[in-house]
Amino acid sequence: MTPEEVGERLVHLMATDDPALGEVTAEVSGGGPGHARAVVDVPAARWWHAAGIARDPGALGCDFFDWVSAVDELDGGFAVIAHLWSTRRRHGVLLRTRVPRVDPEVESLVDLYPGAAWHERETYEMFGIVFARHPDLRPLLLPPEFEGHPLRKEFVLAARVAKPWPGAKEPGESEAGGPAKRAPMRPPGVPDPNEWGPRARKAEGEGN
């Protein structure tokens, strides 16, 4: 089946006359021939159901769980994405849903795909997304005393304030001078060193 056919098939199998259940839509990812995937967006309340249909041998037959992760969409909440693959039919689907920023939660897929257990634990640690009914949602990579979720965009990357990023300089720039250096752009999570960190504390002390 082509990615278009995979998406259309899953949308058809999830069709319902109840508008309260939410809309299911499909598109195709980039990547070109051999790499493109069907991307099916489902409401969070139907996440587990969609994965169950994708796994069903009579539907898509996606018997292999590849990975699950998330994307911080800021005010848009979090996009949760799982890649499922059929080892026999050689097609896959990217199943995607969206959960709110406050109390984000979605159903665990562990009872459908036991291999999802570690991926869900990592996503819980990094983004703070709860996977309901997960049998063991404990730390996987971070120490138990760690506070916060490092892949959320508001997470303060303190090390980037204490030590500048050691990347390459802009073309034409050098330590000896040359064109004026452009003001660097701060990525999400990196605070202004004039407002947070050692430089800010020093300035505050000098002002007292």
N, C-alpha and C. Protein backbone atom coordinates (compact mmCIF):
# COMPACT_ATOMS: atom_id res chain seq x y z
N MET A 1 0.83 -1.20 0.00
CA MET A 1 0.00 0.00 0.00
C MET A 1 0.87 1.25 0.00
N THR A 2 0.46 2.24 -0.74
CA THR A 2 1.18 3.51 -0.75
C THR A 2 0.86 4.28 0.53
N PRO A 3 1.67 5.29 0.88
CA PRO A 3 1.34 6.10 2.06
C PRO A 3 -0.06 6.71 1.97
N GLU A 4 -0.45 7.14 0.78
CA GLU A 4 -1.79 7.70 0.61
C GLU A 4 -2.86 6.66 0.93
N GLU A 5 -2.66 5.44 0.47
CA GLU A 5 -3.63 4.37 0.71
C GLU A 5 -3.68 3.97 2.18
N VAL A 6 -2.52 3.95 2.82
CA VAL A 6 -2.47 3.62 4.25
C VAL A 6 -3.27 4.64 5.05
N GLY A 7 -3.04 5.93 4.79
CA GLY A 7 -3.78 6.98 5.49
C GLY A 7 -5.26 6.91 5.24
N GLU A 8 -5.66 6.75 3.99
CA GLU A 8 -7.08 6.66 3.65
C GLU A 8 -7.73 5.45 4.31
N ARG A 9 -7.00 4.36 4.38
CA ARG A 9 -7.54 3.13 4.99
C ARG A 9 -7.81 3.33 6.48
N LEU A 10 -6.87 3.93 7.18
CA LEU A 10 -7.05 4.14 8.61
C LEU A 10 -8.16 5.16 8.88
N VAL A 11 -8.23 6.21 8.10
CA VAL A 11 -9.31 7.19 8.26
C VAL A 11 -10.66 6.53 8.04
N HIS A 12 -10.75 5.67 7.02
CA HIS A 12 -12.00 4.96 6.73
C HIS A 12 -12.40 4.05 7.87
N LEU A 13 -11.44 3.32 8.42
CA LEU A 13 -11.74 2.37 9.49
C LEU A 13 -12.13 3.07 10.79
N MET A 14 -11.73 4.32 10.96
CA MET A 14 -12.07 5.06 12.16
C MET A 14 -13.26 6.00 11.97
N ALA A 15 -13.87 5.94 10.80
CA ALA A 15 -15.01 6.81 10.51
C ALA A 15 -16.15 6.56 11.50
N THR A 16 -16.82 7.62 11.90
CA THR A 16 -17.93 7.53 12.84
C THR A 16 -18.94 8.62 12.55
N ASP A 17 -20.17 8.37 12.93
CA ASP A 17 -21.23 9.36 12.75
C ASP A 17 -21.36 10.28 13.96
N ASP A 18 -20.54 10.03 14.98
CA ASP A 18 -20.61 10.83 16.20
C ASP A 18 -19.59 11.96 16.13
N PRO A 19 -20.01 13.20 15.89
CA PRO A 19 -19.03 14.30 15.80
C PRO A 19 -18.31 14.58 17.11
N ALA A 20 -18.87 14.12 18.23
CA ALA A 20 -18.23 14.35 19.53
C ALA A 20 -16.91 13.59 19.65
N LEU A 21 -16.72 12.57 18.85
CA LEU A 21 -15.49 11.78 18.92
C LEU A 21 -14.32 12.47 18.22
N GLY A 22 -14.59 13.51 17.48
CA GLY A 22 -13.53 14.26 16.83
C GLY A 22 -13.19 13.73 15.45
N GLU A 23 -12.48 14.56 14.70
CA GLU A 23 -12.15 14.24 13.31
C GLU A 23 -10.82 13.50 13.21
N VAL A 24 -10.76 12.58 12.26
CA VAL A 24 -9.52 11.86 11.94
C VAL A 24 -9.13 12.26 10.52
N THR A 25 -7.91 12.74 10.35
CA THR A 25 -7.45 13.19 9.04
C THR A 25 -6.10 12.56 8.70
N ALA A 26 -5.77 12.57 7.41
CA ALA A 26 -4.51 11.96 6.97
C ALA A 26 -3.81 12.86 5.98
N GLU A 27 -2.49 12.79 5.99
CA GLU A 27 -1.64 13.45 5.00
C GLU A 27 -0.42 12.57 4.80
N VAL A 28 0.50 13.01 3.97
CA VAL A 28 1.71 12.23 3.71
C VAL A 28 2.92 13.06 4.09
N SER A 29 3.85 12.44 4.79
CA SER A 29 5.07 13.14 5.21
C SER A 29 5.99 13.35 4.03
N GLY A 30 7.03 14.15 4.25
CA GLY A 30 8.06 14.31 3.24
C GLY A 30 9.01 13.12 3.26
N GLY A 31 10.08 13.22 2.53
CA GLY A 31 11.08 12.16 2.54
C GLY A 31 11.29 11.50 1.21
N GLY A 32 10.34 11.64 0.30
CA GLY A 32 10.51 11.06 -1.03
C GLY A 32 10.20 9.59 -1.09
N PRO A 33 10.32 8.99 -2.27
CA PRO A 33 9.99 7.57 -2.47
C PRO A 33 10.74 6.67 -1.50
N GLY A 34 10.01 5.76 -0.88
CA GLY A 34 10.62 4.81 0.05
C GLY A 34 10.74 5.32 1.46
N HIS A 35 10.57 6.62 1.67
CA HIS A 35 10.72 7.20 3.00
C HIS A 35 9.46 7.92 3.49
N ALA A 36 8.58 8.31 2.57
CA ALA A 36 7.36 9.00 2.96
C ALA A 36 6.46 8.07 3.77
N ARG A 37 5.70 8.65 4.69
CA ARG A 37 4.80 7.88 5.54
C ARG A 37 3.43 8.54 5.57
N ALA A 38 2.42 7.73 5.76
CA ALA A 38 1.10 8.26 6.06
C ALA A 38 1.17 8.89 7.45
N VAL A 39 0.61 10.09 7.60
CA VAL A 39 0.53 10.77 8.89
C VAL A 39 -0.95 10.93 9.21
N VAL A 40 -1.40 10.25 10.25
CA VAL A 40 -2.81 10.26 10.59
C VAL A 40 -3.00 10.96 11.92
N ASP A 41 -3.78 12.04 11.91
CA ASP A 41 -4.07 12.81 13.12
C ASP A 41 -5.37 12.31 13.74
N VAL A 42 -5.31 11.97 15.03
CA VAL A 42 -6.48 11.46 15.73
C VAL A 42 -6.67 12.24 17.03
N PRO A 43 -7.90 12.35 17.54
CA PRO A 43 -8.10 12.97 18.85
C PRO A 43 -7.42 12.14 19.93
N ALA A 44 -6.97 12.79 21.00
CA ALA A 44 -6.27 12.08 22.07
C ALA A 44 -7.11 10.95 22.65
N ALA A 45 -8.43 11.15 22.72
CA ALA A 45 -9.31 10.14 23.30
C ALA A 45 -9.37 8.87 22.44
N ARG A 46 -8.94 8.96 21.17
CA ARG A 46 -9.00 7.80 20.27
C ARG A 46 -7.61 7.29 19.90
N TRP A 47 -6.59 7.76 20.60
CA TRP A 47 -5.20 7.37 20.34
C TRP A 47 -5.00 5.86 20.42
N TRP A 48 -5.43 5.27 21.54
CA TRP A 48 -5.24 3.82 21.72
C TRP A 48 -6.05 3.05 20.68
N HIS A 49 -7.26 3.49 20.43
CA HIS A 49 -8.12 2.82 19.46
C HIS A 49 -7.49 2.85 18.07
N ALA A 50 -6.91 3.98 17.68
CA ALA A 50 -6.26 4.10 16.37
C ALA A 50 -5.08 3.15 16.27
N ALA A 51 -4.28 3.05 17.33
CA ALA A 51 -3.13 2.14 17.32
C ALA A 51 -3.60 0.69 17.23
N GLY A 52 -4.73 0.39 17.90
CA GLY A 52 -5.26 -0.97 17.83
C GLY A 52 -5.71 -1.34 16.43
N ILE A 53 -6.33 -0.41 15.73
CA ILE A 53 -6.75 -0.66 14.35
C ILE A 53 -5.53 -0.82 13.45
N ALA A 54 -4.52 0.04 13.65
CA ALA A 54 -3.30 -0.05 12.84
C ALA A 54 -2.62 -1.40 13.03
N ARG A 55 -2.70 -1.95 14.23
CA ARG A 55 -2.06 -3.23 14.53
C ARG A 55 -2.84 -4.42 13.98
N ASP A 56 -4.14 -4.29 13.86
CA ASP A 56 -5.02 -5.40 13.44
C ASP A 56 -4.56 -5.97 12.09
N PRO A 57 -4.31 -7.29 12.03
CA PRO A 57 -3.88 -7.90 10.76
C PRO A 57 -4.90 -7.72 9.64
N GLY A 58 -6.18 -7.58 10.00
CA GLY A 58 -7.21 -7.38 8.99
C GLY A 58 -7.32 -5.94 8.53
N ALA A 59 -6.59 -5.05 9.16
CA ALA A 59 -6.63 -3.63 8.80
C ALA A 59 -5.30 -3.24 8.15
N LEU A 60 -4.35 -2.72 8.94
CA LEU A 60 -3.06 -2.34 8.38
C LEU A 60 -1.94 -3.33 8.71
N GLY A 61 -2.15 -4.14 9.74
CA GLY A 61 -1.15 -5.15 10.09
C GLY A 61 0.17 -4.59 10.57
N CYS A 62 0.14 -3.40 11.22
CA CYS A 62 1.38 -2.80 11.74
C CYS A 62 1.76 -3.51 13.04
N ASP A 63 2.52 -4.58 12.91
CA ASP A 63 2.85 -5.43 14.05
C ASP A 63 4.10 -4.98 14.80
N PHE A 64 4.83 -4.00 14.27
CA PHE A 64 6.09 -3.57 14.87
C PHE A 64 5.98 -2.13 15.37
N PHE A 65 6.27 -1.94 16.64
CA PHE A 65 6.33 -0.59 17.22
C PHE A 65 7.74 -0.07 17.07
N ASP A 66 7.89 1.07 16.40
CA ASP A 66 9.21 1.63 16.15
C ASP A 66 9.60 2.62 17.25
N TRP A 67 8.81 3.68 17.43
CA TRP A 67 9.14 4.69 18.46
C TRP A 67 7.94 5.56 18.75
N VAL A 68 8.01 6.25 19.87
CA VAL A 68 7.05 7.30 20.20
C VAL A 68 7.83 8.46 20.82
N SER A 69 7.43 9.68 20.50
CA SER A 69 8.05 10.86 21.08
C SER A 69 7.04 11.99 21.02
N ALA A 70 7.51 13.21 21.27
CA ALA A 70 6.61 14.36 21.29
C ALA A 70 7.33 15.59 20.76
N VAL A 71 6.54 16.61 20.45
CA VAL A 71 7.05 17.91 20.01
C VAL A 71 6.34 18.98 20.83
N ASP A 72 7.12 19.88 21.40
CA ASP A 72 6.55 20.98 22.17
C ASP A 72 6.07 22.06 21.20
N GLU A 73 4.76 22.24 21.15
CA GLU A 73 4.18 23.24 20.25
C GLU A 73 3.80 24.53 21.00
N LEU A 74 4.40 24.73 22.19
CA LEU A 74 4.16 25.91 23.01
C LEU A 74 2.67 26.08 23.31
N ASP A 75 2.04 27.18 22.89
CA ASP A 75 0.63 27.40 23.22
C ASP A 75 -0.28 26.33 22.63
N GLY A 76 0.21 25.62 21.62
CA GLY A 76 -0.58 24.56 20.99
C GLY A 76 -0.52 23.25 21.73
N GLY A 77 0.17 23.21 22.87
CA GLY A 77 0.28 21.97 23.63
C GLY A 77 1.42 21.11 23.11
N PHE A 78 1.23 19.80 23.15
CA PHE A 78 2.26 18.85 22.69
C PHE A 78 1.69 17.94 21.62
N ALA A 79 2.45 17.72 20.57
CA ALA A 79 2.10 16.71 19.58
C ALA A 79 2.79 15.42 20.01
N VAL A 80 2.02 14.35 20.16
CA VAL A 80 2.56 13.03 20.47
C VAL A 80 2.51 12.19 19.20
N ILE A 81 3.64 11.58 18.84
CA ILE A 81 3.75 10.89 17.56
C ILE A 81 4.32 9.49 17.79
N ALA A 82 3.70 8.50 17.15
CA ALA A 82 4.20 7.12 17.19
C ALA A 82 4.38 6.62 15.77
N HIS A 83 5.47 5.90 15.53
CA HIS A 83 5.70 5.29 14.22
C HIS A 83 5.47 3.79 14.34
N LEU A 84 4.51 3.29 13.56
CA LEU A 84 4.16 1.88 13.56
C LEU A 84 4.46 1.31 12.17
N TRP A 85 4.90 0.04 12.14
CA TRP A 85 5.37 -0.54 10.88
C TRP A 85 4.84 -1.95 10.70
N SER A 86 4.54 -2.31 9.47
CA SER A 86 4.12 -3.67 9.14
C SER A 86 5.30 -4.42 8.56
N THR A 87 5.76 -5.44 9.27
CA THR A 87 6.93 -6.20 8.80
C THR A 87 6.58 -7.07 7.60
N ARG A 88 5.32 -7.42 7.45
CA ARG A 88 4.92 -8.28 6.33
C ARG A 88 4.57 -7.46 5.09
N ARG A 89 3.82 -6.36 5.29
CA ARG A 89 3.35 -5.58 4.14
C ARG A 89 4.30 -4.44 3.77
N ARG A 90 5.28 -4.19 4.64
CA ARG A 90 6.30 -3.19 4.36
C ARG A 90 5.75 -1.79 4.17
N HIS A 91 4.83 -1.41 5.04
CA HIS A 91 4.36 -0.03 5.06
C HIS A 91 4.26 0.44 6.50
N GLY A 92 4.25 1.75 6.69
CA GLY A 92 4.20 2.29 8.04
C GLY A 92 3.22 3.44 8.14
N VAL A 93 2.98 3.86 9.38
CA VAL A 93 2.10 5.00 9.62
C VAL A 93 2.63 5.79 10.80
N LEU A 94 2.61 7.11 10.67
CA LEU A 94 2.92 8.00 11.78
C LEU A 94 1.58 8.41 12.39
N LEU A 95 1.33 7.90 13.57
CA LEU A 95 0.10 8.22 14.28
C LEU A 95 0.37 9.43 15.16
N ARG A 96 -0.48 10.46 15.06
CA ARG A 96 -0.20 11.72 15.76
C ARG A 96 -1.45 12.22 16.47
N THR A 97 -1.25 12.73 17.67
CA THR A 97 -2.34 13.36 18.41
C THR A 97 -1.80 14.58 19.12
N ARG A 98 -2.69 15.34 19.74
CA ARG A 98 -2.27 16.55 20.43
C ARG A 98 -2.88 16.56 21.83
N VAL A 99 -2.05 16.90 22.82
CA VAL A 99 -2.51 16.98 24.20
C VAL A 99 -2.25 18.39 24.72
N PRO A 100 -3.05 18.86 25.68
CA PRO A 100 -2.87 20.23 26.18
C PRO A 100 -1.60 20.40 26.98
N ARG A 101 -1.18 21.63 27.16
CA ARG A 101 0.04 21.93 27.92
C ARG A 101 -0.19 21.68 29.42
N VAL A 102 -1.39 21.94 29.88
CA VAL A 102 -1.73 21.71 31.29
C VAL A 102 -2.26 20.28 31.45
N ASP A 103 -1.64 19.51 32.33
CA ASP A 103 -2.02 18.12 32.58
C ASP A 103 -2.09 17.30 31.29
N PRO A 104 -1.01 17.25 30.52
CA PRO A 104 -1.03 16.46 29.28
C PRO A 104 -1.08 14.96 29.57
N GLU A 105 -2.00 14.28 28.93
CA GLU A 105 -2.16 12.84 29.18
C GLU A 105 -2.73 12.16 27.94
N VAL A 106 -2.24 10.97 27.69
CA VAL A 106 -2.74 10.15 26.59
C VAL A 106 -2.62 8.69 27.02
N GLU A 107 -3.40 7.82 26.38
CA GLU A 107 -3.41 6.41 26.76
C GLU A 107 -2.10 5.72 26.38
N SER A 108 -1.62 4.85 27.26
CA SER A 108 -0.42 4.06 26.98
C SER A 108 -0.74 3.01 25.91
N LEU A 109 0.27 2.70 25.09
CA LEU A 109 0.13 1.66 24.07
C LEU A 109 0.81 0.36 24.47
N VAL A 110 1.24 0.26 25.72
CA VAL A 110 2.04 -0.88 26.16
C VAL A 110 1.30 -2.20 26.01
N ASP A 111 -0.02 -2.21 26.25
CA ASP A 111 -0.73 -3.48 26.13
C ASP A 111 -0.88 -3.92 24.67
N LEU A 112 -0.77 -2.97 23.73
CA LEU A 112 -0.77 -3.31 22.31
C LEU A 112 0.63 -3.62 21.81
N TYR A 113 1.57 -2.79 22.24
CA TYR A 113 2.97 -2.92 21.83
C TYR A 113 3.85 -2.85 23.08
N PRO A 114 4.24 -3.99 23.64
CA PRO A 114 5.09 -3.95 24.86
C PRO A 114 6.36 -3.13 24.68
N GLY A 115 6.87 -3.03 23.44
CA GLY A 115 8.08 -2.27 23.19
C GLY A 115 7.91 -0.77 23.41
N ALA A 116 6.67 -0.31 23.58
CA ALA A 116 6.43 1.12 23.80
C ALA A 116 6.81 1.56 25.21
N ALA A 117 7.02 0.60 26.11
CA ALA A 117 7.22 0.93 27.53
C ALA A 117 8.35 1.93 27.76
N TRP A 118 9.53 1.65 27.22
CA TRP A 118 10.67 2.54 27.45
C TRP A 118 10.49 3.87 26.75
N HIS A 119 9.92 3.86 25.56
CA HIS A 119 9.71 5.11 24.82
C HIS A 119 8.75 6.03 25.56
N GLU A 120 7.70 5.46 26.13
CA GLU A 120 6.74 6.27 26.88
C GLU A 120 7.37 6.80 28.16
N ARG A 121 8.21 6.01 28.80
CA ARG A 121 8.90 6.49 30.00
C ARG A 121 9.81 7.66 29.67
N GLU A 122 10.53 7.57 28.55
CA GLU A 122 11.42 8.65 28.14
C GLU A 122 10.61 9.92 27.81
N THR A 123 9.50 9.76 27.09
CA THR A 123 8.67 10.91 26.72
C THR A 123 8.06 11.55 27.95
N TYR A 124 7.70 10.73 28.92
CA TYR A 124 7.17 11.25 30.19
C TYR A 124 8.23 12.08 30.90
N GLU A 125 9.46 11.57 30.95
CA GLU A 125 10.55 12.30 31.60
C GLU A 125 10.86 13.61 30.89
N MET A 126 10.98 13.56 29.58
CA MET A 126 11.48 14.70 28.82
C MET A 126 10.43 15.78 28.60
N PHE A 127 9.15 15.38 28.53
CA PHE A 127 8.09 16.35 28.23
C PHE A 127 7.04 16.46 29.34
N GLY A 128 6.99 15.51 30.27
CA GLY A 128 5.98 15.55 31.31
C GLY A 128 4.62 15.07 30.85
N ILE A 129 4.56 14.30 29.77
CA ILE A 129 3.30 13.76 29.26
C ILE A 129 3.03 12.43 29.95
N VAL A 130 1.87 12.33 30.58
CA VAL A 130 1.50 11.11 31.30
C VAL A 130 0.88 10.11 30.33
N PHE A 131 1.30 8.86 30.42
CA PHE A 131 0.72 7.79 29.62
C PHE A 131 -0.14 6.92 30.55
N ALA A 132 -1.45 7.15 30.48
CA ALA A 132 -2.38 6.48 31.38
C ALA A 132 -2.30 4.97 31.19
N ARG A 133 -2.35 4.26 32.31
CA ARG A 133 -2.31 2.79 32.38
C ARG A 133 -0.93 2.21 32.10
N HIS A 134 0.10 3.05 31.96
CA HIS A 134 1.46 2.51 31.83
C HIS A 134 1.80 1.78 33.12
N PRO A 135 2.32 0.55 33.04
CA PRO A 135 2.55 -0.24 34.25
C PRO A 135 3.71 0.21 35.13
N ASP A 136 4.59 1.06 34.61
CA ASP A 136 5.80 1.39 35.39
C ASP A 136 6.40 2.71 34.89
N LEU A 137 5.69 3.81 35.09
CA LEU A 137 6.11 5.10 34.56
C LEU A 137 7.11 5.76 35.50
N ARG A 138 8.30 5.15 35.61
CA ARG A 138 9.35 5.67 36.49
C ARG A 138 10.51 6.19 35.66
N PRO A 139 11.46 6.93 36.29
CA PRO A 139 12.58 7.50 35.53
C PRO A 139 13.34 6.45 34.73
N LEU A 140 13.74 6.84 33.53
CA LEU A 140 14.49 5.94 32.66
C LEU A 140 15.91 6.46 32.44
N LEU A 141 16.04 7.76 32.17
CA LEU A 141 17.34 8.35 31.85
C LEU A 141 17.84 9.31 32.91
N LEU A 142 16.92 9.99 33.59
CA LEU A 142 17.30 11.04 34.54
C LEU A 142 17.30 10.50 35.96
N PRO A 143 18.12 11.08 36.84
CA PRO A 143 18.11 10.65 38.24
C PRO A 143 16.78 10.99 38.90
N PRO A 144 16.35 10.22 39.89
CA PRO A 144 15.04 10.46 40.52
C PRO A 144 14.85 11.86 41.07
N GLU A 145 15.94 12.49 41.52
CA GLU A 145 15.83 13.82 42.13
C GLU A 145 15.78 14.95 41.09
N PHE A 146 15.90 14.63 39.80
CA PHE A 146 15.91 15.66 38.76
C PHE A 146 14.55 16.35 38.70
N GLU A 147 14.58 17.68 38.57
CA GLU A 147 13.35 18.45 38.51
C GLU A 147 13.18 19.07 37.13
N GLY A 148 11.98 18.99 36.60
CA GLY A 148 11.68 19.59 35.30
C GLY A 148 11.72 18.58 34.17
N HIS A 149 11.41 19.05 32.97
CA HIS A 149 11.35 18.22 31.78
C HIS A 149 12.21 18.87 30.70
N PRO A 150 13.39 18.34 30.44
CA PRO A 150 14.41 19.02 29.62
C PRO A 150 14.01 19.35 28.18
N LEU A 151 13.06 18.64 27.59
CA LEU A 151 12.72 18.92 26.20
C LEU A 151 11.53 19.87 26.06
N ARG A 152 11.02 20.37 27.17
CA ARG A 152 10.04 21.45 27.08
C ARG A 152 10.78 22.74 26.74
N LYS A 153 10.18 23.56 25.92
CA LYS A 153 10.89 24.74 25.44
C LYS A 153 11.10 25.79 26.51
N GLU A 154 10.33 25.72 27.61
CA GLU A 154 10.56 26.71 28.67
C GLU A 154 11.63 26.24 29.66
N PHE A 155 12.15 25.02 29.49
CA PHE A 155 13.17 24.51 30.40
C PHE A 155 14.45 25.33 30.25
N VAL A 156 14.96 25.84 31.34
CA VAL A 156 16.15 26.70 31.30
C VAL A 156 17.41 25.87 31.07
N LEU A 157 18.10 26.15 29.97
CA LEU A 157 19.35 25.46 29.67
C LEU A 157 20.49 26.25 30.30
N ALA A 158 20.68 26.04 31.60
CA ALA A 158 21.63 26.84 32.38
C ALA A 158 23.05 26.75 31.84
N ALA A 159 23.43 25.58 31.32
CA ALA A 159 24.80 25.41 30.84
C ALA A 159 25.11 26.34 29.68
N ARG A 160 24.09 26.73 28.92
CA ARG A 160 24.33 27.61 27.78
C ARG A 160 24.58 29.05 28.21
N VAL A 161 24.24 29.38 29.45
CA VAL A 161 24.55 30.70 29.99
C VAL A 161 25.95 30.70 30.58
N ALA A 162 26.29 29.63 31.30
CA ALA A 162 27.59 29.54 31.95
C ALA A 162 28.72 29.38 30.94
N LYS A 163 28.42 28.69 29.80
CA LYS A 163 29.46 28.44 28.81
C LYS A 163 28.87 28.64 27.42
N PRO A 164 29.37 29.59 26.64
CA PRO A 164 28.81 29.86 25.31
C PRO A 164 28.89 28.63 24.41
N TRP A 165 27.98 28.56 23.48
CA TRP A 165 27.97 27.45 22.53
C TRP A 165 29.24 27.47 21.68
N PRO A 166 29.95 26.33 21.59
CA PRO A 166 31.26 26.32 20.91
C PRO A 166 31.14 26.10 19.40
N GLY A 167 30.09 26.64 18.78
CA GLY A 167 29.91 26.43 17.35
C GLY A 167 30.83 27.30 16.50
N ALA A 168 30.79 27.06 15.21
CA ALA A 168 31.62 27.83 14.28
C ALA A 168 31.16 29.28 14.24
N LYS A 169 32.12 30.16 13.94
CA LYS A 169 31.79 31.59 13.84
C LYS A 169 31.11 31.86 12.51
N GLU A 170 30.49 33.03 12.44
CA GLU A 170 29.88 33.44 11.18
C GLU A 170 30.99 33.68 10.15
N PRO A 171 30.70 33.45 8.85
CA PRO A 171 31.73 33.70 7.81
C PRO A 171 32.29 35.11 7.90
N GLY A 172 33.62 35.23 7.83
CA GLY A 172 34.26 36.55 7.85
C GLY A 172 34.57 37.05 9.24
N GLU A 173 34.12 36.36 10.28
CA GLU A 173 34.38 36.80 11.65
C GLU A 173 35.64 36.12 12.17
N SER A 174 36.38 36.83 13.01
CA SER A 174 37.58 36.26 13.62
C SER A 174 37.84 36.95 14.93
N GLU A 175 38.70 36.33 15.74
CA GLU A 175 39.06 36.92 17.03
C GLU A 175 39.82 38.25 16.84
N ALA A 176 40.49 38.39 15.67
CA ALA A 176 41.34 39.56 15.43
C ALA A 176 40.54 40.79 15.00
N GLY A 177 39.27 40.61 14.78
CA GLY A 177 38.48 41.77 14.37
C GLY A 177 37.67 41.45 13.15
N GLY A 178 37.56 42.42 12.23
CA GLY A 178 36.77 42.20 11.03
C GLY A 178 35.38 42.78 11.22
N PRO A 179 34.45 42.36 10.40
CA PRO A 179 33.09 42.90 10.47
C PRO A 179 32.49 42.73 11.86
N ALA A 180 31.64 43.66 12.23
CA ALA A 180 30.99 43.58 13.54
C ALA A 180 30.18 42.30 13.63
N LYS A 181 30.32 41.64 14.74
CA LYS A 181 29.61 40.38 14.92
C LYS A 181 28.13 40.63 15.16
N ARG A 182 27.31 39.86 14.46
CA ARG A 182 25.87 39.99 14.64
C ARG A 182 25.45 39.45 16.00
N ALA A 183 24.40 40.03 16.56
CA ALA A 183 23.89 39.55 17.85
C ALA A 183 23.40 38.13 17.68
N PRO A 184 23.90 37.19 18.50
CA PRO A 184 23.47 35.80 18.36
C PRO A 184 22.01 35.62 18.75
N MET A 185 21.35 34.69 18.08
CA MET A 185 19.96 34.36 18.41
C MET A 185 19.96 33.31 19.51
N ARG A 186 19.11 33.51 20.51
CA ARG A 186 19.02 32.54 21.59
C ARG A 186 17.93 31.52 21.27
N PRO A 187 18.28 30.23 21.29
CA PRO A 187 17.26 29.20 21.05
C PRO A 187 16.30 29.09 22.22
N PRO A 188 15.15 28.46 22.04
CA PRO A 188 14.20 28.30 23.15
C PRO A 188 14.85 27.64 24.34
N GLY A 189 14.55 28.16 25.52
CA GLY A 189 15.09 27.58 26.75
C GLY A 189 16.36 28.23 27.24
N VAL A 190 17.04 29.00 26.38
CA VAL A 190 18.29 29.65 26.79
C VAL A 190 17.95 31.06 27.27
N PRO A 191 18.14 31.34 28.56
CA PRO A 191 17.78 32.66 29.08
C PRO A 191 18.78 33.72 28.67
N ASP A 192 18.36 34.97 28.76
CA ASP A 192 19.26 36.09 28.49
C ASP A 192 20.29 36.15 29.61
N PRO A 193 21.60 36.03 29.29
CA PRO A 193 22.63 36.04 30.34
C PRO A 193 22.66 37.34 31.13
N ASN A 194 22.06 38.40 30.59
CA ASN A 194 22.00 39.65 31.34
C ASN A 194 20.88 39.64 32.37
N GLU A 195 19.98 38.66 32.24
CA GLU A 195 18.83 38.57 33.15
C GLU A 195 18.89 37.35 34.05
N TRP A 196 19.72 36.37 33.70
CA TRP A 196 19.77 35.12 34.48
C TRP A 196 21.19 34.58 34.46
N GLY A 197 21.69 34.18 35.62
CA GLY A 197 23.01 33.58 35.67
C GLY A 197 24.06 34.49 36.30
N PRO A 198 25.36 34.10 36.21
CA PRO A 198 26.44 34.83 36.88
C PRO A 198 26.53 36.29 36.47
N ARG A 199 26.37 36.60 35.18
CA ARG A 199 26.49 37.98 34.72
C ARG A 199 25.38 38.85 35.33
N ALA A 200 24.17 38.31 35.39
CA ALA A 200 23.06 39.07 35.96
C ALA A 200 23.28 39.31 37.45
N ARG A 201 23.78 38.28 38.15
CA ARG A 201 24.02 38.43 39.59
C ARG A 201 25.12 39.45 39.84
N LYS A 202 26.15 39.47 38.97
CA LYS A 202 27.25 40.44 39.12
C LYS A 202 26.72 41.86 38.91
N ALA A 203 25.89 42.03 37.87
CA ALA A 203 25.33 43.36 37.59
C ALA A 203 24.44 43.81 38.73
N GLU A 204 23.70 42.89 39.30
CA GLU A 204 22.82 43.22 40.42
C GLU A 204 23.64 43.66 41.64
N GLY A 205 24.79 42.97 41.86
CA GLY A 205 25.66 43.31 42.98
C GLY A 205 26.30 44.68 42.81
N GLU A 206 26.66 44.99 41.55
CA GLU A 206 27.28 46.30 41.29
C GLU A 206 26.27 47.43 41.44
N GLY A 207 25.01 47.12 41.21
CA GLY A 207 24.00 48.15 41.31
C GLY A 207 23.58 48.45 42.73
N ASN A 208 23.95 47.56 43.65
CA ASN A 208 23.54 47.78 45.06
C ASN A 208 24.50 48.69 45.79
